Amino acid sequence: MKGIASRFLLPSGVIVLLFSIFILYETYEASRKHAKSLLSEQAALSLEFNLAIRDYVAEQIRPVLESLVDKEEFIPEVMSTSFISRAISEKVRKIFPDYITRFSSEHPRTP
C-alpha cells in the first residue's frame, strides 16, 4: 500500500509543483508587462501635455502679447514656452514629489 501511494503522490506532487511555478511565472510576466505599458502610457501623456502647453503659449499667447508690446520687448513669464512649462512642472512636482520629469530638447545646441 505504501508503494502505491508514493508512486501516485510523488509524480502528482512534481506536476503540481511545476504547474505552480509555471502559473507564478506567467502571472509575474503579465504583471510586469502591464506595469511597463502603463508606465509608457503615462510618460507619453506627460510628454504630450508638456508639448501642448508649449504649443498653446507659442501659438495663442505670444502672438497676442507681441501685438501689445514693443517688438524688442520679451516678457518670459508670459511669452517663454519653457518658462511657463517649467513653472507648471514645479507646481505638479509639489503634489508628486517622488516623480521627476525632464523634457530635454531634441536640438540642445541650436544657434
PDB file of N, CA and C in Angstrom:
ATOM      1  N   MET A   1       0.821  -1.193   0.000  1.00  0.00           N
ATOM      2  CA  MET A   1       0.000   0.000   0.000  1.00  0.00           C
ATOM      3  C   MET A   1       0.863   1.255   0.000  1.00  0.00           C
ATOM      4  N   LYS A   2       1.946   1.203   0.774  1.00  0.00           N
ATOM      5  CA  LYS A   2       2.821   2.361   0.850  1.00  0.00           C
ATOM      6  C   LYS A   2       3.488   2.627  -0.497  1.00  0.00           C
ATOM      7  N   GLY A   3       3.817   1.646  -1.230  1.00  0.00           N
ATOM      8  CA  GLY A   3       4.453   1.798  -2.527  1.00  0.00           C
ATOM      9  C   GLY A   3       3.520   2.411  -3.556  1.00  0.00           C
ATOM     10  N   ILE A   4       2.265   2.031  -3.526  1.00  0.00           N
ATOM     11  CA  ILE A   4       1.300   2.574  -4.483  1.00  0.00           C
ATOM     12  C   ILE A   4       1.041   4.056  -4.192  1.00  0.00           C
ATOM     13  N   ALA A   5       0.937   4.411  -2.919  1.00  0.00           N
ATOM     14  CA  ALA A   5       0.693   5.807  -2.539  1.00  0.00           C
ATOM     15  C   ALA A   5       1.870   6.691  -2.942  1.00  0.00           C
ATOM     16  N   SER A   6       3.078   6.229  -2.703  1.00  0.00           N
ATOM     17  CA  SER A   6       4.235   7.048  -3.068  1.00  0.00           C
ATOM     18  C   SER A   6       4.391   7.124  -4.579  1.00  0.00           C
ATOM     19  N   ARG A   7       4.028   6.060  -5.281  1.00  0.00           N
ATOM     20  CA  ARG A   7       4.080   6.106  -6.743  1.00  0.00           C
ATOM     21  C   ARG A   7       3.083   7.115  -7.312  1.00  0.00           C
ATOM     22  N   PHE A   8       1.996   7.322  -6.634  1.00  0.00           N
ATOM     23  CA  PHE A   8       0.987   8.268  -7.105  1.00  0.00           C
ATOM     24  C   PHE A   8       1.278   9.695  -6.622  1.00  0.00           C
ATOM     25  N   LEU A   9       1.633   9.837  -5.351  1.00  0.00           N
ATOM     26  CA  LEU A   9       1.818  11.164  -4.764  1.00  0.00           C
ATOM     27  C   LEU A   9       3.071  11.871  -5.274  1.00  0.00           C
ATOM     28  N   LEU A  10       4.153  11.166  -5.451  1.00  0.00           N
ATOM     29  CA  LEU A  10       5.381  11.807  -5.899  1.00  0.00           C
ATOM     30  C   LEU A  10       5.235  12.418  -7.295  1.00  0.00           C
ATOM     31  N   PRO A  11       4.760  11.676  -8.296  1.00  0.00           N
ATOM     32  CA  PRO A  11       4.576  12.321  -9.605  1.00  0.00           C
ATOM     33  C   PRO A  11       3.513  13.422  -9.569  1.00  0.00           C
ATOM     34  N   SER A  12       2.456  13.209  -8.788  1.00  0.00           N
ATOM     35  CA  SER A  12       1.419  14.241  -8.675  1.00  0.00           C
ATOM     36  C   SER A  12       1.981  15.499  -8.028  1.00  0.00           C
ATOM     37  N   GLY A  13       2.796  15.352  -7.005  1.00  0.00           N
ATOM     38  CA  GLY A  13       3.416  16.498  -6.336  1.00  0.00           C
ATOM     39  C   GLY A  13       4.349  17.251  -7.268  1.00  0.00           C
ATOM     40  N   VAL A  14       5.122  16.515  -8.064  1.00  0.00           N
ATOM     41  CA  VAL A  14       6.025  17.160  -9.017  1.00  0.00           C
ATOM     42  C   VAL A  14       5.226  17.930 -10.061  1.00  0.00           C
ATOM     43  N   ILE A  15       4.147  17.335 -10.545  1.00  0.00           N
ATOM     44  CA  ILE A  15       3.301  18.006 -11.545  1.00  0.00           C
ATOM     45  C   ILE A  15       2.678  19.263 -10.950  1.00  0.00           C
ATOM     46  N   VAL A  16       2.164  19.178  -9.731  1.00  0.00           N
ATOM     47  CA  VAL A  16       1.567  20.349  -9.074  1.00  0.00           C
ATOM     48  C   VAL A  16       2.622  21.431  -8.855  1.00  0.00           C
ATOM     49  N   LEU A  17       3.821  21.038  -8.442  1.00  0.00           N
ATOM     50  CA  LEU A  17       4.898  21.999  -8.228  1.00  0.00           C
ATOM     51  C   LEU A  17       5.279  22.697  -9.534  1.00  0.00           C
ATOM     52  N   LEU A  18       5.460  21.929 -10.594  1.00  0.00           N
ATOM     53  CA  LEU A  18       5.797  22.517 -11.892  1.00  0.00           C
ATOM     54  C   LEU A  18       4.686  23.425 -12.407  1.00  0.00           C
ATOM     55  N   PHE A  19       3.449  23.007 -12.249  1.00  0.00           N
ATOM     56  CA  PHE A  19       2.320  23.824 -12.679  1.00  0.00           C
ATOM     57  C   PHE A  19       2.252  25.118 -11.871  1.00  0.00           C
ATOM     58  N   SER A  20       2.518  25.047 -10.562  1.00  0.00           N
ATOM     59  CA  SER A  20       2.507  26.242  -9.712  1.00  0.00           C
ATOM     60  C   SER A  20       3.611  27.213 -10.128  1.00  0.00           C
ATOM     61  N   ILE A  21       4.791  26.681 -10.416  1.00  0.00           N
ATOM     62  CA  ILE A  21       5.890  27.534 -10.879  1.00  0.00           C
ATOM     63  C   ILE A  21       5.520  28.193 -12.198  1.00  0.00           C
ATOM     64  N   PHE A  22       4.928  27.443 -13.099  1.00  0.00           N
ATOM     65  CA  PHE A  22       4.514  27.991 -14.395  1.00  0.00           C
ATOM     66  C   PHE A  22       3.483  29.103 -14.211  1.00  0.00           C
ATOM     67  N   ILE A  23       2.488  28.889 -13.372  1.00  0.00           N
ATOM     68  CA  ILE A  23       1.442  29.892 -13.127  1.00  0.00           C
ATOM     69  C   ILE A  23       2.036  31.151 -12.485  1.00  0.00           C
ATOM     70  N   LEU A  24       2.923  30.977 -11.513  1.00  0.00           N
ATOM     71  CA  LEU A  24       3.553  32.127 -10.869  1.00  0.00           C
ATOM     72  C   LEU A  24       4.390  32.922 -11.870  1.00  0.00           C
ATOM     73  N   TYR A  25       5.132  32.238 -12.714  1.00  0.00           N
ATOM     74  CA  TYR A  25       5.952  32.928 -13.717  1.00  0.00           C
ATOM     75  C   TYR A  25       5.076  33.689 -14.714  1.00  0.00           C
ATOM     76  N   GLU A  26       4.024  33.071 -15.190  1.00  0.00           N
ATOM     77  CA  GLU A  26       3.127  33.729 -16.145  1.00  0.00           C
ATOM     78  C   GLU A  26       2.436  34.938 -15.513  1.00  0.00           C
ATOM     79  N   THR A  27       2.049  34.824 -14.263  1.00  0.00           N
ATOM     80  CA  THR A  27       1.431  35.939 -13.548  1.00  0.00           C
ATOM     81  C   THR A  27       2.432  37.086 -13.387  1.00  0.00           C
ATOM     82  N   TYR A  28       3.664  36.743 -13.029  1.00  0.00           N
ATOM     83  CA  TYR A  28       4.713  37.756 -12.898  1.00  0.00           C
ATOM     84  C   TYR A  28       4.951  38.469 -14.224  1.00  0.00           C
ATOM     85  N   GLU A  29       5.078  37.728 -15.306  1.00  0.00           N
ATOM     86  CA  GLU A  29       5.322  38.318 -16.618  1.00  0.00           C
ATOM     87  C   GLU A  29       4.151  39.200 -17.065  1.00  0.00           C
ATOM     88  N   ALA A  30       2.941  38.747 -16.846  1.00  0.00           N
ATOM     89  CA  ALA A  30       1.766  39.534 -17.225  1.00  0.00           C
ATOM     90  C   ALA A  30       1.711  40.838 -16.419  1.00  0.00           C
ATOM     91  N   SER A  31       2.003  40.760 -15.129  1.00  0.00           N
ATOM     92  CA  SER A  31       2.008  41.957 -14.281  1.00  0.00           C
ATOM     93  C   SER A  31       3.110  42.915 -14.700  1.00  0.00           C
ATOM     94  N   ARG A  32       4.280  42.390 -15.013  1.00  0.00           N
ATOM     95  CA  ARG A  32       5.401  43.224 -15.433  1.00  0.00           C
ATOM     96  C   ARG A  32       5.102  43.927 -16.750  1.00  0.00           C
ATOM     97  N   LYS A  33       4.526  43.196 -17.711  1.00  0.00           N
ATOM     98  CA  LYS A  33       4.173  43.792 -18.997  1.00  0.00           C
ATOM     99  C   LYS A  33       3.100  44.868 -18.829  1.00  0.00           C
ATOM    100  N   HIS A  34       2.131  44.612 -17.965  1.00  0.00           N
ATOM    101  CA  HIS A  34       1.069  45.592 -17.720  1.00  0.00           C
ATOM    102  C   HIS A  34       1.652  46.861 -17.083  1.00  0.00           C
ATOM    103  N   ALA A  35       2.528  46.692 -16.095  1.00  0.00           N
ATOM    104  CA  ALA A  35       3.137  47.849 -15.434  1.00  0.00           C
ATOM    105  C   ALA A  35       3.989  48.643 -16.424  1.00  0.00           C
ATOM    106  N   LYS A  36       4.722  47.948 -17.279  1.00  0.00           N
ATOM    107  CA  LYS A  36       5.567  48.630 -18.261  1.00  0.00           C
ATOM    108  C   LYS A  36       4.727  49.400 -19.274  1.00  0.00           C
ATOM    109  N   SER A  37       3.636  48.807 -19.734  1.00  0.00           N
ATOM    110  CA  SER A  37       2.785  49.513 -20.696  1.00  0.00           C
ATOM    111  C   SER A  37       2.081  50.702 -20.039  1.00  0.00           C
ATOM    112  N   LEU A  38       1.681  50.550 -18.794  1.00  0.00           N
ATOM    113  CA  LEU A  38       1.052  51.653 -18.070  1.00  0.00           C
ATOM    114  C   LEU A  38       2.045  52.797 -17.862  1.00  0.00           C
ATOM    115  N   LEU A  39       3.272  52.468 -17.529  1.00  0.00           N
ATOM    116  CA  LEU A  39       4.305  53.489 -17.361  1.00  0.00           C
ATOM    117  C   LEU A  39       4.589  54.201 -18.678  1.00  0.00           C
ATOM    118  N   SER A  40       4.659  53.461 -19.758  1.00  0.00           N
ATOM    119  CA  SER A  40       4.894  54.077 -21.071  1.00  0.00           C
ATOM    120  C   SER A  40       3.748  55.004 -21.456  1.00  0.00           C
ATOM    121  N   GLU A  41       2.536  54.581 -21.166  1.00  0.00           N
ATOM    122  CA  GLU A  41       1.361  55.396 -21.483  1.00  0.00           C
ATOM    123  C   GLU A  41       1.359  56.687 -20.668  1.00  0.00           C
ATOM    124  N   GLN A  42       1.703  56.593 -19.398  1.00  0.00           N
ATOM    125  CA  GLN A  42       1.735  57.785 -18.561  1.00  0.00           C
ATOM    126  C   GLN A  42       2.868  58.728 -18.973  1.00  0.00           C
ATOM    127  N   ALA A  43       3.995  58.174 -19.374  1.00  0.00           N
ATOM    128  CA  ALA A  43       5.094  59.019 -19.854  1.00  0.00           C
ATOM    129  C   ALA A  43       4.699  59.732 -21.148  1.00  0.00           C
ATOM    130  N   ALA A  44       4.023  59.031 -22.038  1.00  0.00           N
ATOM    131  CA  ALA A  44       3.569  59.653 -23.288  1.00  0.00           C
ATOM    132  C   ALA A  44       2.541  60.742 -22.998  1.00  0.00           C
ATOM    133  N   LEU A  45       1.656  60.499 -22.051  1.00  0.00           N
ATOM    134  CA  LEU A  45       0.666  61.500 -21.668  1.00  0.00           C
ATOM    135  C   LEU A  45       1.350  62.747 -21.097  1.00  0.00           C
ATOM    136  N   SER A  46       2.335  62.540 -20.244  1.00  0.00           N
ATOM    137  CA  SER A  46       3.067  63.663 -19.661  1.00  0.00           C
ATOM    138  C   SER A  46       3.790  64.465 -20.741  1.00  0.00           C
ATOM    139  N   LEU A  47       4.416  63.780 -21.684  1.00  0.00           N
ATOM    140  CA  LEU A  47       5.112  64.465 -22.766  1.00  0.00           C
ATOM    141  C   LEU A  47       4.142  65.252 -23.636  1.00  0.00           C
ATOM    142  N   GLU A  48       3.017  64.662 -24.004  1.00  0.00           N
ATOM    143  CA  GLU A  48       2.031  65.351 -24.840  1.00  0.00           C
ATOM    144  C   GLU A  48       1.439  66.556 -24.115  1.00  0.00           C
ATOM    145  N   PHE A  49       1.235  66.433 -22.818  1.00  0.00           N
ATOM    146  CA  PHE A  49       0.719  67.551 -22.035  1.00  0.00           C
ATOM    147  C   PHE A  49       1.721  68.704 -22.044  1.00  0.00           C
ATOM    148  N   ASN A  50       2.991  68.387 -21.857  1.00  0.00           N
ATOM    149  CA  ASN A  50       4.034  69.416 -21.876  1.00  0.00           C
ATOM    150  C   ASN A  50       4.115  70.082 -23.241  1.00  0.00           C
ATOM    151  N   LEU A  51       4.073  69.290 -24.302  1.00  0.00           N
ATOM    152  CA  LEU A  51       4.127  69.855 -25.657  1.00  0.00           C
ATOM    153  C   LEU A  51       2.897  70.701 -25.962  1.00  0.00           C
ATOM    154  N   ALA A  52       1.730  70.294 -25.451  1.00  0.00           N
ATOM    155  CA  ALA A  52       0.506  71.064 -25.667  1.00  0.00           C
ATOM    156  C   ALA A  52       0.594  72.429 -24.979  1.00  0.00           C
ATOM    157  N   ILE A  53       1.167  72.460 -23.789  1.00  0.00           N
ATOM    158  CA  ILE A  53       1.354  73.741 -23.090  1.00  0.00           C
ATOM    159  C   ILE A  53       2.259  74.649 -23.902  1.00  0.00           C
ATOM    160  N   ARG A  54       3.364  74.100 -24.367  1.00  0.00           N
ATOM    161  CA  ARG A  54       4.323  74.898 -25.151  1.00  0.00           C
ATOM    162  C   ARG A  54       3.698  75.400 -26.448  1.00  0.00           C
ATOM    163  N   ASP A  55       2.960  74.533 -27.132  1.00  0.00           N
ATOM    164  CA  ASP A  55       2.300  74.942 -28.374  1.00  0.00           C
ATOM    165  C   ASP A  55       1.264  76.033 -28.129  1.00  0.00           C
ATOM    166  N   TYR A  56       0.505  75.905 -27.059  1.00  0.00           N
ATOM    167  CA  TYR A  56      -0.517  76.899 -26.751  1.00  0.00           C
ATOM    168  C   TYR A  56       0.119  78.269 -26.505  1.00  0.00           C
ATOM    169  N   VAL A  57       1.193  78.277 -25.745  1.00  0.00           N
ATOM    170  CA  VAL A  57       1.872  79.554 -25.473  1.00  0.00           C
ATOM    171  C   VAL A  57       2.416  80.144 -26.769  1.00  0.00           C
ATOM    172  N   ALA A  58       3.055  79.304 -27.587  1.00  0.00           N
ATOM    173  CA  ALA A  58       3.679  79.800 -28.822  1.00  0.00           C
ATOM    174  C   ALA A  58       2.650  80.247 -29.855  1.00  0.00           C
ATOM    175  N   GLU A  59       1.521  79.562 -29.928  1.00  0.00           N
ATOM    176  CA  GLU A  59       0.541  79.844 -30.985  1.00  0.00           C
ATOM    177  C   GLU A  59      -0.575  80.799 -30.559  1.00  0.00           C
ATOM    178  N   GLN A  60      -0.887  80.853 -29.275  1.00  0.00           N
ATOM    179  CA  GLN A  60      -2.021  81.660 -28.818  1.00  0.00           C
ATOM    180  C   GLN A  60      -1.603  82.881 -28.000  1.00  0.00           C
ATOM    181  N   ILE A  61      -0.795  82.660 -26.982  1.00  0.00           N
ATOM    182  CA  ILE A  61      -0.481  83.745 -26.056  1.00  0.00           C
ATOM    183  C   ILE A  61       0.571  84.698 -26.620  1.00  0.00           C
ATOM    184  N   ARG A  62       1.682  84.152 -27.110  1.00  0.00           N
ATOM    185  CA  ARG A  62       2.770  85.003 -27.584  1.00  0.00           C
ATOM    186  C   ARG A  62       2.361  85.952 -28.704  1.00  0.00           C
ATOM    187  N   PRO A  63       1.610  85.523 -29.734  1.00  0.00           N
ATOM    188  CA  PRO A  63       1.216  86.481 -30.778  1.00  0.00           C
ATOM    189  C   PRO A  63       0.371  87.645 -30.263  1.00  0.00           C
ATOM    190  N   VAL A  64      -0.505  87.378 -29.325  1.00  0.00           N
ATOM    191  CA  VAL A  64      -1.329  88.451 -28.764  1.00  0.00           C
ATOM    192  C   VAL A  64      -0.454  89.440 -28.003  1.00  0.00           C
ATOM    193  N   LEU A  65       0.465  88.921 -27.194  1.00  0.00           N
ATOM    194  CA  LEU A  65       1.336  89.816 -26.429  1.00  0.00           C
ATOM    195  C   LEU A  65       2.309  90.565 -27.324  1.00  0.00           C
ATOM    196  N   GLU A  66       2.775  89.943 -28.387  1.00  0.00           N
ATOM    197  CA  GLU A  66       3.675  90.642 -29.306  1.00  0.00           C
ATOM    198  C   GLU A  66       2.981  91.835 -29.958  1.00  0.00           C
ATOM    199  N   SER A  67       1.683  91.732 -30.147  1.00  0.00           N
ATOM    200  CA  SER A  67       0.947  92.862 -30.725  1.00  0.00           C
ATOM    201  C   SER A  67       0.703  93.976 -29.701  1.00  0.00           C
ATOM    202  N   LEU A  68       0.810  93.646 -28.421  1.00  0.00           N
ATOM    203  CA  LEU A  68       0.569  94.635 -27.367  1.00  0.00           C
ATOM    204  C   LEU A  68       1.832  95.325 -26.872  1.00  0.00           C
ATOM    205  N   VAL A  69       2.997  94.711 -27.036  1.00  0.00           N
ATOM    206  CA  VAL A  69       4.247  95.295 -26.541  1.00  0.00           C
ATOM    207  C   VAL A  69       5.164  95.626 -27.718  1.00  0.00           C
ATOM    208  N   ASP A  70       6.239  96.312 -27.435  1.00  0.00           N
ATOM    209  CA  ASP A  70       7.216  96.647 -28.480  1.00  0.00           C
ATOM    210  C   ASP A  70       7.825  95.382 -29.067  1.00  0.00           C
ATOM    211  N   LYS A  71       8.326  95.488 -30.283  1.00  0.00           N
ATOM    212  CA  LYS A  71       8.922  94.336 -30.967  1.00  0.00           C
ATOM    213  C   LYS A  71      10.136  93.789 -30.220  1.00  0.00           C
ATOM    214  N   GLU A  72      10.891  94.673 -29.570  1.00  0.00           N
ATOM    215  CA  GLU A  72      12.112  94.264 -28.882  1.00  0.00           C
ATOM    216  C   GLU A  72      11.842  93.731 -27.466  1.00  0.00           C
ATOM    217  N   GLU A  73      10.649  93.912 -26.973  1.00  0.00           N
ATOM    218  CA  GLU A  73      10.339  93.521 -25.597  1.00  0.00           C
ATOM    219  C   GLU A  73       9.925  92.048 -25.540  1.00  0.00           C
ATOM    220  N   PHE A  74      10.467  91.345 -24.552  1.00  0.00           N
ATOM    221  CA  PHE A  74      10.139  89.932 -24.346  1.00  0.00           C
ATOM    222  C   PHE A  74       9.913  89.708 -22.866  1.00  0.00           C
ATOM    223  N   ILE A  75       8.720  89.263 -22.511  1.00  0.00           N
ATOM    224  CA  ILE A  75       8.357  89.025 -21.112  1.00  0.00           C
ATOM    225  C   ILE A  75       8.339  87.514 -20.897  1.00  0.00           C
ATOM    226  N   PRO A  76       9.369  86.945 -20.288  1.00  0.00           N
ATOM    227  CA  PRO A  76       9.480  85.489 -20.196  1.00  0.00           C
ATOM    228  C   PRO A  76       8.345  84.829 -19.420  1.00  0.00           C
ATOM    229  N   GLU A  77       7.794  85.515 -18.417  1.00  0.00           N
ATOM    230  CA  GLU A  77       6.727  84.904 -17.612  1.00  0.00           C
ATOM    231  C   GLU A  77       5.478  84.578 -18.425  1.00  0.00           C
ATOM    232  N   VAL A  78       5.269  85.256 -19.531  1.00  0.00           N
ATOM    233  CA  VAL A  78       4.074  85.001 -20.338  1.00  0.00           C
ATOM    234  C   VAL A  78       4.380  84.669 -21.790  1.00  0.00           C
ATOM    235  N   MET A  79       5.630  84.846 -22.212  1.00  0.00           N
ATOM    236  CA  MET A  79       5.958  84.623 -23.617  1.00  0.00           C
ATOM    237  C   MET A  79       6.895  83.437 -23.855  1.00  0.00           C
ATOM    238  N   SER A  80       7.557  82.971 -22.823  1.00  0.00           N
ATOM    239  CA  SER A  80       8.516  81.883 -22.969  1.00  0.00           C
ATOM    240  C   SER A  80       7.835  80.537 -22.733  1.00  0.00           C
ATOM    241  N   THR A  81       7.886  79.675 -23.734  1.00  0.00           N
ATOM    242  CA  THR A  81       7.251  78.354 -23.596  1.00  0.00           C
ATOM    243  C   THR A  81       7.948  77.521 -22.530  1.00  0.00           C
ATOM    244  N   SER A  82       9.262  77.580 -22.475  1.00  0.00           N
ATOM    245  CA  SER A  82       9.990  76.774 -21.486  1.00  0.00           C
ATOM    246  C   SER A  82       9.789  77.315 -20.068  1.00  0.00           C
ATOM    247  N   PHE A  83       9.716  78.626 -19.908  1.00  0.00           N
ATOM    248  CA  PHE A  83       9.499  79.219 -18.588  1.00  0.00           C
ATOM    249  C   PHE A  83       8.145  78.772 -18.030  1.00  0.00           C
ATOM    250  N   ILE A  84       7.112  78.877 -18.852  1.00  0.00           N
ATOM    251  CA  ILE A  84       5.763  78.504 -18.423  1.00  0.00           C
ATOM    252  C   ILE A  84       5.673  77.016 -18.141  1.00  0.00           C
ATOM    253  N   SER A  85       6.246  76.212 -19.025  1.00  0.00           N
ATOM    254  CA  SER A  85       6.222  74.763 -18.842  1.00  0.00           C
ATOM    255  C   SER A  85       6.951  74.358 -17.561  1.00  0.00           C
ATOM    256  N   ARG A  86       8.077  74.983 -17.291  1.00  0.00           N
ATOM    257  CA  ARG A  86       8.839  74.685 -16.082  1.00  0.00           C
ATOM    258  C   ARG A  86       8.059  75.093 -14.834  1.00  0.00           C
ATOM    259  N   ALA A  87       7.385  76.247 -14.882  1.00  0.00           N
ATOM    260  CA  ALA A  87       6.595  76.698 -13.731  1.00  0.00           C
ATOM    261  C   ALA A  87       5.458  75.731 -13.429  1.00  0.00           C
ATOM    262  N   ILE A  88       4.808  75.246 -14.473  1.00  0.00           N
ATOM    263  CA  ILE A  88       3.726  74.269 -14.275  1.00  0.00           C
ATOM    264  C   ILE A  88       4.286  72.961 -13.737  1.00  0.00           C
ATOM    265  N   SER A  89       5.426  72.536 -14.260  1.00  0.00           N
ATOM    266  CA  SER A  89       6.047  71.295 -13.781  1.00  0.00           C
ATOM    267  C   SER A  89       6.436  71.392 -12.310  1.00  0.00           C
ATOM    268  N   GLU A  90       6.899  72.556 -11.880  1.00  0.00           N
ATOM    269  CA  GLU A  90       7.256  72.737 -10.475  1.00  0.00           C
ATOM    270  C   GLU A  90       6.033  72.652  -9.576  1.00  0.00           C
ATOM    271  N   LYS A  91       4.908  73.180 -10.027  1.00  0.00           N
ATOM    272  CA  LYS A  91       3.668  73.068  -9.240  1.00  0.00           C
ATOM    273  C   LYS A  91       3.229  71.611  -9.137  1.00  0.00           C
ATOM    274  N   VAL A  92       3.337  70.889 -10.235  1.00  0.00           N
ATOM    275  CA  VAL A  92       2.967  69.470 -10.225  1.00  0.00           C
ATOM    276  C   VAL A  92       3.927  68.684  -9.338  1.00  0.00           C
ATOM    277  N   ARG A  93       5.202  69.048  -9.358  1.00  0.00           N
ATOM    278  CA  ARG A  93       6.208  68.357  -8.544  1.00  0.00           C
ATOM    279  C   ARG A  93       5.922  68.511  -7.055  1.00  0.00           C
ATOM    280  N   LYS A  94       5.292  69.625  -6.651  1.00  0.00           N
ATOM    281  CA  LYS A  94       4.931  69.807  -5.247  1.00  0.00           C
ATOM    282  C   LYS A  94       3.871  68.788  -4.832  1.00  0.00           C
ATOM    283  N   ILE A  95       2.995  68.421  -5.753  1.00  0.00           N
ATOM    284  CA  ILE A  95       1.946  67.443  -5.454  1.00  0.00           C
ATOM    285  C   ILE A  95       2.495  66.023  -5.520  1.00  0.00           C
ATOM    286  N   PHE A  96       3.406  65.776  -6.469  1.00  0.00           N
ATOM    287  CA  PHE A  96       4.013  64.461  -6.660  1.00  0.00           C
ATOM    288  C   PHE A  96       5.535  64.581  -6.505  1.00  0.00           C
ATOM    289  N   PRO A  97       6.030  64.716  -5.275  1.00  0.00           N
ATOM    290  CA  PRO A  97       7.469  64.970  -5.093  1.00  0.00           C
ATOM    291  C   PRO A  97       8.367  63.785  -5.451  1.00  0.00           C
ATOM    292  N   ASP A  98       7.833  62.586  -5.502  1.00  0.00           N
ATOM    293  CA  ASP A  98       8.661  61.418  -5.807  1.00  0.00           C
ATOM    294  C   ASP A  98       8.915  61.240  -7.299  1.00  0.00           C
ATOM    295  N   TYR A  99       8.218  62.002  -8.136  1.00  0.00           N
ATOM    296  CA  TYR A  99       8.352  61.863  -9.582  1.00  0.00           C
ATOM    297  C   TYR A  99       9.122  63.039 -10.160  1.00  0.00           C
ATOM    298  N   ILE A 100      10.051  62.722 -11.029  1.00  0.00           N
ATOM    299  CA  ILE A 100      10.828  63.761 -11.705  1.00  0.00           C
ATOM    300  C   ILE A 100      10.629  63.583 -13.201  1.00  0.00           C
ATOM    301  N   THR A 101      10.174  64.643 -13.844  1.00  0.00           N
ATOM    302  CA  THR A 101      10.034  64.606 -15.300  1.00  0.00           C
ATOM    303  C   THR A 101      10.939  65.666 -15.894  1.00  0.00           C
ATOM    304  N   ARG A 102      11.650  65.260 -16.914  1.00  0.00           N
ATOM    305  CA  ARG A 102      12.537  66.186 -17.616  1.00  0.00           C
ATOM    306  C   ARG A 102      12.279  66.037 -19.099  1.00  0.00           C
ATOM    307  N   PHE A 103      12.148  67.157 -19.761  1.00  0.00           N
ATOM    308  CA  PHE A 103      11.904  67.174 -21.199  1.00  0.00           C
ATOM    309  C   PHE A 103      13.081  67.872 -21.857  1.00  0.00           C
ATOM    310  N   SER A 104      14.022  67.081 -22.298  1.00  0.00           N
ATOM    311  CA  SER A 104      15.204  67.668 -22.923  1.00  0.00           C
ATOM    312  C   SER A 104      14.906  68.031 -24.377  1.00  0.00           C
ATOM    313  N   SER A 105      15.661  68.967 -24.866  1.00  0.00           N
ATOM    314  CA  SER A 105      15.476  69.451 -26.230  1.00  0.00           C
ATOM    315  C   SER A 105      16.013  68.442 -27.235  1.00  0.00           C
ATOM    316  N   GLU A 106      15.354  68.356 -28.382  1.00  0.00           N
ATOM    317  CA  GLU A 106      15.859  67.492 -29.447  1.00  0.00           C
ATOM    318  C   GLU A 106      17.097  68.110 -30.081  1.00  0.00           C
ATOM    319  N   HIS A 107      17.193  69.443 -30.031  1.00  0.00           N
ATOM    320  CA  HIS A 107      18.333  70.175 -30.594  1.00  0.00           C
ATOM    321  C   HIS A 107      18.895  71.090 -29.518  1.00  0.00           C
ATOM    322  N   PRO A 108      19.670  70.542 -28.576  1.00  0.00           N
ATOM    323  CA  PRO A 108      20.110  71.355 -27.430  1.00  0.00           C
ATOM    324  C   PRO A 108      21.102  72.447 -27.777  1.00  0.00           C
ATOM    325  N   ARG A 109      21.721  72.399 -28.925  1.00  0.00           N
ATOM    326  CA  ARG A 109      22.711  73.420 -29.284  1.00  0.00           C
ATOM    327  C   ARG A 109      22.265  74.240 -30.476  1.00  0.00           C
ATOM    328  N   THR A 110      21.038  74.672 -30.433  1.00  0.00           N
ATOM    329  CA  THR A 110      20.524  75.488 -31.532  1.00  0.00           C
ATOM    330  C   THR A 110      21.197  76.852 -31.512  1.00  0.00           C
ATOM    331  N   PRO A 111      21.401  77.444 -32.700  1.00  0.00           N
ATOM    332  CA  PRO A 111      22.072  78.748 -32.741  1.00  0.00           C
ATOM    333  C   PRO A 111      21.211  79.856 -32.142  1.00  0.00           C
TER     334      PRO A 111
END
